[in-house]
Amino acid sequence: MTAEATGAAPDTEAVDAEAVTAEAVFVRSAAAVATSTGDDYRVDIRSGRHRLSADEPESAGGADTATTPVGLLLSALGSCTAITLRMYAQRKQWPLTTVRVHLGYEKGPEKAVRITRRIDLVGDLDEAQRARLLDIADRTPVTRAVSLGTPIVPAAPRAANGAHHA
């Protein structure tokens, strides 16, 4: 039922992914390739010209040679938050000296999960500046992707080296 039908105000945050996909043209703004070639759980990742890895801890059958995929997710969320707040403070010429983002991935009953986030802002900021930065933290690109549940859709297959793409 639509917001108009119920008399409620339309939700500007919620987006019908199927409607957007059918009507809009998407432009790729980031890409990564994750490759697993061995019997172990280590994955080599390439994102642009940067290389990194992921693995599982020994307790989950991995070799613990790199952070976990969830650790990478938390790292993406924390770094996006810190970068966005730094950019905003610089643009406003606010005296923000350090942004530290503490994140946790927590498991609860019935397979429920959540991410906790605490943001430390160091600098001679007044309360209005601190409040504004914390408000902006809720609207960073990665925060929105995670909290709004960005859809994951199949990419068009690309024929290369006879590899089968899923």
C-alpha atoms as a PDB file:
ATOM      1  CA  MET A   1       0.000   0.000   0.000  1.00  0.00           C
ATOM      2  CA  THR A   2       1.398   3.400  -0.903  1.00  0.00           C
ATOM      3  CA  ALA A   3       1.883   6.274   1.501  1.00  0.00           C
ATOM      4  CA  GLU A   4      -0.761   8.210  -0.403  1.00  0.00           C
ATOM      5  CA  ALA A   5      -3.288   5.408   0.069  1.00  0.00           C
ATOM      6  CA  THR A   6      -2.705   5.291   3.825  1.00  0.00           C
ATOM      7  CA  GLY A   7      -2.618   9.043   4.255  1.00  0.00           C
ATOM      8  CA  ALA A   8       0.950   8.832   5.574  1.00  0.00           C
ATOM      9  CA  ALA A   9       3.721  11.054   4.366  1.00  0.00           C
ATOM     10  CA  PRO A  10       5.823   9.396   1.669  1.00  0.00           C
ATOM     11  CA  ASP A  11       9.076   7.898   2.919  1.00  0.00           C
ATOM     12  CA  THR A  12      11.816   9.756   1.089  1.00  0.00           C
ATOM     13  CA  GLU A  13      14.502   7.375   2.395  1.00  0.00           C
ATOM     14  CA  ALA A  14      12.906   4.160   1.151  1.00  0.00           C
ATOM     15  CA  VAL A  15      13.450   3.442  -2.519  1.00  0.00           C
ATOM     16  CA  ASP A  16      11.833   0.697  -4.560  1.00  0.00           C
ATOM     17  CA  ALA A  17      14.953  -0.937  -6.003  1.00  0.00           C
ATOM     18  CA  GLU A  18      13.084  -2.701  -8.812  1.00  0.00           C
ATOM     19  CA  ALA A  19      11.425   0.523  -9.978  1.00  0.00           C
ATOM     20  CA  VAL A  20      14.714   2.406  -9.895  1.00  0.00           C
ATOM     21  CA  THR A  21      16.548  -0.375 -11.713  1.00  0.00           C
ATOM     22  CA  ALA A  22      13.946  -0.523 -14.474  1.00  0.00           C
ATOM     23  CA  GLU A  23      13.995   3.231 -15.109  1.00  0.00           C
ATOM     24  CA  ALA A  24      17.456   4.473 -14.178  1.00  0.00           C
ATOM     25  CA  VAL A  25      20.883   4.130 -15.696  1.00  0.00           C
ATOM     26  CA  PHE A  26      23.491   3.217 -13.103  1.00  0.00           C
ATOM     27  CA  VAL A  27      27.088   4.384 -13.333  1.00  0.00           C
ATOM     28  CA  ARG A  28      29.729   2.353 -11.532  1.00  0.00           C
ATOM     29  CA  SER A  29      31.538   4.436  -8.928  1.00  0.00           C
ATOM     30  CA  ALA A  30      33.638   1.671  -7.363  1.00  0.00           C
ATOM     31  CA  ALA A  31      34.563  -1.926  -8.138  1.00  0.00           C
ATOM     32  CA  ALA A  32      36.390  -4.825  -6.540  1.00  0.00           C
ATOM     33  CA  VAL A  33      37.344  -8.356  -7.537  1.00  0.00           C
ATOM     34  CA  ALA A  34      37.687 -11.080  -4.894  1.00  0.00           C
ATOM     35  CA  THR A  35      39.483 -14.275  -5.951  1.00  0.00           C
ATOM     36  CA  SER A  36      39.760 -17.565  -4.089  1.00  0.00           C
ATOM     37  CA  THR A  37      42.086 -20.077  -5.761  1.00  0.00           C
ATOM     38  CA  GLY A  38      43.120 -22.551  -3.070  1.00  0.00           C
ATOM     39  CA  ASP A  39      41.519 -25.010  -0.713  1.00  0.00           C
ATOM     40  CA  ASP A  40      41.840 -22.547   2.149  1.00  0.00           C
ATOM     41  CA  TYR A  41      39.561 -19.579   2.851  1.00  0.00           C
ATOM     42  CA  ARG A  42      42.022 -16.820   1.977  1.00  0.00           C
ATOM     43  CA  VAL A  43      40.728 -14.415  -0.651  1.00  0.00           C
ATOM     44  CA  ASP A  44      42.835 -11.945  -2.600  1.00  0.00           C
ATOM     45  CA  ILE A  45      41.020  -8.698  -3.300  1.00  0.00           C
ATOM     46  CA  ARG A  46      41.748  -6.053  -5.870  1.00  0.00           C
ATOM     47  CA  SER A  47      39.991  -2.696  -5.636  1.00  0.00           C
ATOM     48  CA  GLY A  48      41.273  -0.244  -8.204  1.00  0.00           C
ATOM     49  CA  ARG A  49      45.058  -0.353  -7.964  1.00  0.00           C
ATOM     50  CA  HIS A  50      44.954  -1.526  -4.349  1.00  0.00           C
ATOM     51  CA  ARG A  51      45.358  -5.085  -3.139  1.00  0.00           C
ATOM     52  CA  LEU A  52      44.192  -6.561   0.133  1.00  0.00           C
ATOM     53  CA  SER A  53      43.114  -9.912   1.515  1.00  0.00           C
ATOM     54  CA  ALA A  54      40.474 -11.539   3.645  1.00  0.00           C
ATOM     55  CA  ASP A  55      40.498 -14.794   5.581  1.00  0.00           C
ATOM     56  CA  GLU A  56      38.650 -16.507   8.380  1.00  0.00           C
ATOM     57  CA  PRO A  57      40.071 -17.109  11.860  1.00  0.00           C
ATOM     58  CA  GLU A  58      41.471 -20.527  12.717  1.00  0.00           C
ATOM     59  CA  SER A  59      38.376 -21.161  14.865  1.00  0.00           C
ATOM     60  CA  ALA A  60      36.275 -20.993  11.661  1.00  0.00           C
ATOM     61  CA  GLY A  61      38.621 -23.143   9.561  1.00  0.00           C
ATOM     62  CA  GLY A  62      40.738 -20.347   8.116  1.00  0.00           C
ATOM     63  CA  ALA A  63      44.405 -19.558   8.576  1.00  0.00           C
ATOM     64  CA  ASP A  64      43.850 -16.084  10.091  1.00  0.00           C
ATOM     65  CA  THR A  65      46.197 -14.465   7.543  1.00  0.00           C
ATOM     66  CA  ALA A  66      44.027 -11.362   7.076  1.00  0.00           C
ATOM     67  CA  THR A  67      40.968  -9.655   8.506  1.00  0.00           C
ATOM     68  CA  THR A  68      37.593 -11.337   8.088  1.00  0.00           C
ATOM     69  CA  PRO A  69      35.025 -10.209   5.525  1.00  0.00           C
ATOM     70  CA  VAL A  70      33.016  -8.696   8.395  1.00  0.00           C
ATOM     71  CA  GLY A  71      36.178  -6.908   9.505  1.00  0.00           C
ATOM     72  CA  LEU A  72      36.453  -5.450   6.001  1.00  0.00           C
ATOM     73  CA  LEU A  73      32.823  -4.316   6.166  1.00  0.00           C
ATOM     74  CA  LEU A  74      33.438  -2.595   9.505  1.00  0.00           C
ATOM     75  CA  SER A  75      36.636  -1.064   8.104  1.00  0.00           C
ATOM     76  CA  ALA A  76      34.719   0.321   5.118  1.00  0.00           C
ATOM     77  CA  LEU A  77      32.057   1.788   7.396  1.00  0.00           C
ATOM     78  CA  GLY A  78      34.569   3.310   9.794  1.00  0.00           C
ATOM     79  CA  SER A  79      36.863   4.735   7.141  1.00  0.00           C
ATOM     80  CA  CYS A  80      33.966   6.218   5.157  1.00  0.00           C
ATOM     81  CA  THR A  81      32.639   7.836   8.333  1.00  0.00           C
ATOM     82  CA  ALA A  82      36.037   9.278   9.276  1.00  0.00           C
ATOM     83  CA  ILE A  83      36.782  10.541   5.753  1.00  0.00           C
ATOM     84  CA  THR A  84      33.354  12.137   5.317  1.00  0.00           C
ATOM     85  CA  LEU A  85      33.531  13.929   8.674  1.00  0.00           C
ATOM     86  CA  ARG A  86      37.079  15.104   7.964  1.00  0.00           C
ATOM     87  CA  MET A  87      36.035  16.459   4.542  1.00  0.00           C
ATOM     88  CA  TYR A  88      33.056  18.299   6.006  1.00  0.00           C
ATOM     89  CA  ALA A  89      35.063  19.809   8.870  1.00  0.00           C
ATOM     90  CA  GLN A  90      37.786  20.952   6.478  1.00  0.00           C
ATOM     91  CA  ARG A  91      35.261  22.549   4.152  1.00  0.00           C
ATOM     92  CA  LYS A  92      33.732  24.420   7.113  1.00  0.00           C
ATOM     93  CA  GLN A  93      37.206  25.164   8.525  1.00  0.00           C
ATOM     94  CA  TRP A  94      36.271  23.597  11.854  1.00  0.00           C
ATOM     95  CA  PRO A  95      39.082  22.638  14.287  1.00  0.00           C
ATOM     96  CA  LEU A  96      38.617  18.855  14.067  1.00  0.00           C
ATOM     97  CA  THR A  97      41.971  17.223  14.796  1.00  0.00           C
ATOM     98  CA  THR A  98      41.044  13.537  15.075  1.00  0.00           C
ATOM     99  CA  VAL A  99      38.095  11.324  14.145  1.00  0.00           C
ATOM    100  CA  ARG A 100      38.109   7.851  15.690  1.00  0.00           C
ATOM    101  CA  VAL A 101      35.314   5.438  14.805  1.00  0.00           C
ATOM    102  CA  HIS A 102      34.849   2.365  17.017  1.00  0.00           C
ATOM    103  CA  LEU A 103      32.727  -0.379  15.467  1.00  0.00           C
ATOM    104  CA  GLY A 104      31.450  -3.743  16.589  1.00  0.00           C
ATOM    105  CA  TYR A 105      29.536  -6.510  14.880  1.00  0.00           C
ATOM    106  CA  GLU A 106      27.234  -8.147  17.404  1.00  0.00           C
ATOM    107  CA  LYS A 107      25.230 -11.335  17.170  1.00  0.00           C
ATOM    108  CA  GLY A 108      21.990 -11.725  19.086  1.00  0.00           C
ATOM    109  CA  PRO A 109      19.137 -14.175  19.490  1.00  0.00           C
ATOM    110  CA  GLU A 110      17.363 -15.653  16.465  1.00  0.00           C
ATOM    111  CA  LYS A 111      20.387 -14.902  14.241  1.00  0.00           C
ATOM    112  CA  ALA A 112      19.852 -11.164  14.696  1.00  0.00           C
ATOM    113  CA  VAL A 113      22.912  -9.015  14.058  1.00  0.00           C
ATOM    114  CA  ARG A 114      23.715  -5.367  14.470  1.00  0.00           C
ATOM    115  CA  ILE A 115      26.609  -2.982  14.118  1.00  0.00           C
ATOM    116  CA  THR A 116      27.466  -0.665  16.975  1.00  0.00           C
ATOM    117  CA  ARG A 117      29.319   2.565  16.274  1.00  0.00           C
ATOM    118  CA  ARG A 118      30.869   5.141  18.586  1.00  0.00           C
ATOM    119  CA  ILE A 119      32.466   8.229  17.091  1.00  0.00           C
ATOM    120  CA  ASP A 120      35.093  10.205  18.989  1.00  0.00           C
ATOM    121  CA  LEU A 121      35.584  13.762  17.717  1.00  0.00           C
ATOM    122  CA  VAL A 122      38.751  15.436  18.996  1.00  0.00           C
ATOM    123  CA  GLY A 123      39.229  19.155  18.578  1.00  0.00           C
ATOM    124  CA  ASP A 124      38.002  22.492  19.849  1.00  0.00           C
ATOM    125  CA  LEU A 125      34.465  21.992  18.489  1.00  0.00           C
ATOM    126  CA  ASP A 126      31.352  23.509  20.017  1.00  0.00           C
ATOM    127  CA  GLU A 127      28.277  21.395  20.740  1.00  0.00           C
ATOM    128  CA  ALA A 128      26.492  22.486  17.539  1.00  0.00           C
ATOM    129  CA  GLN A 129      29.479  21.445  15.420  1.00  0.00           C
ATOM    130  CA  ARG A 130      29.696  18.074  17.193  1.00  0.00           C
ATOM    131  CA  ALA A 131      25.974  17.483  16.724  1.00  0.00           C
ATOM    132  CA  ARG A 132      26.191  18.371  13.025  1.00  0.00           C
ATOM    133  CA  LEU A 133      29.110  16.004  12.456  1.00  0.00           C
ATOM    134  CA  LEU A 134      27.289  13.158  14.208  1.00  0.00           C
ATOM    135  CA  ASP A 135      24.217  13.864  12.090  1.00  0.00           C
ATOM    136  CA  ILE A 136      26.316  13.710   8.925  1.00  0.00           C
ATOM    137  CA  ALA A 137      27.825  10.396  10.082  1.00  0.00           C
ATOM    138  CA  ASP A 138      24.402   8.787   9.636  1.00  0.00           C
ATOM    139  CA  ARG A 139      24.336   9.818   5.980  1.00  0.00           C
ATOM    140  CA  THR A 140      27.742   8.733   4.676  1.00  0.00           C
ATOM    141  CA  PRO A 141      27.690   6.585   1.523  1.00  0.00           C
ATOM    142  CA  VAL A 142      28.707   3.346   3.257  1.00  0.00           C
ATOM    143  CA  THR A 143      26.423   3.988   6.243  1.00  0.00           C
ATOM    144  CA  ARG A 144      23.507   4.403   3.863  1.00  0.00           C
ATOM    145  CA  ALA A 145      24.471   1.320   1.825  1.00  0.00           C
ATOM    146  CA  VAL A 146      24.562  -0.824   4.961  1.00  0.00           C
ATOM    147  CA  SER A 147      21.625   0.620   6.881  1.00  0.00           C
ATOM    148  CA  LEU A 148      19.264   0.927   3.923  1.00  0.00           C
ATOM    149  CA  GLY A 149      20.077  -2.525   2.604  1.00  0.00           C
ATOM    150  CA  THR A 150      21.504  -1.774  -0.840  1.00  0.00           C
ATOM    151  CA  PRO A 151      20.254  -4.457  -3.229  1.00  0.00           C
ATOM    152  CA  ILE A 152      22.798  -6.873  -4.666  1.00  0.00           C
ATOM    153  CA  VAL A 153      21.866  -7.723  -8.247  1.00  0.00           C
ATOM    154  CA  PRO A 154      23.492 -10.033 -10.802  1.00  0.00           C
ATOM    155  CA  ALA A 155      25.899  -8.265 -13.142  1.00  0.00           C
ATOM    156  CA  ALA A 156      25.758  -8.950 -16.855  1.00  0.00           C
ATOM    157  CA  PRO A 157      28.023 -11.886 -17.734  1.00  0.00           C
ATOM    158  CA  ARG A 158      31.316 -11.091 -19.367  1.00  0.00           C
ATOM    159  CA  ALA A 159      32.964 -13.754 -21.496  1.00  0.00           C
ATOM    160  CA  ALA A 160      36.654 -14.053 -20.686  1.00  0.00           C
ATOM    161  CA  ASN A 161      39.036 -17.025 -20.682  1.00  0.00           C
ATOM    162  CA  GLY A 162      36.153 -19.464 -20.803  1.00  0.00           C
ATOM    163  CA  ALA A 163      35.364 -18.801 -17.156  1.00  0.00           C
ATOM    164  CA  HIS A 164      31.798 -19.292 -16.009  1.00  0.00           C
ATOM    165  CA  HIS A 165      30.352 -16.222 -14.286  1.00  0.00           C
ATOM    166  CA  ALA A 166      27.591 -16.461 -11.718  1.00  0.00           C
END
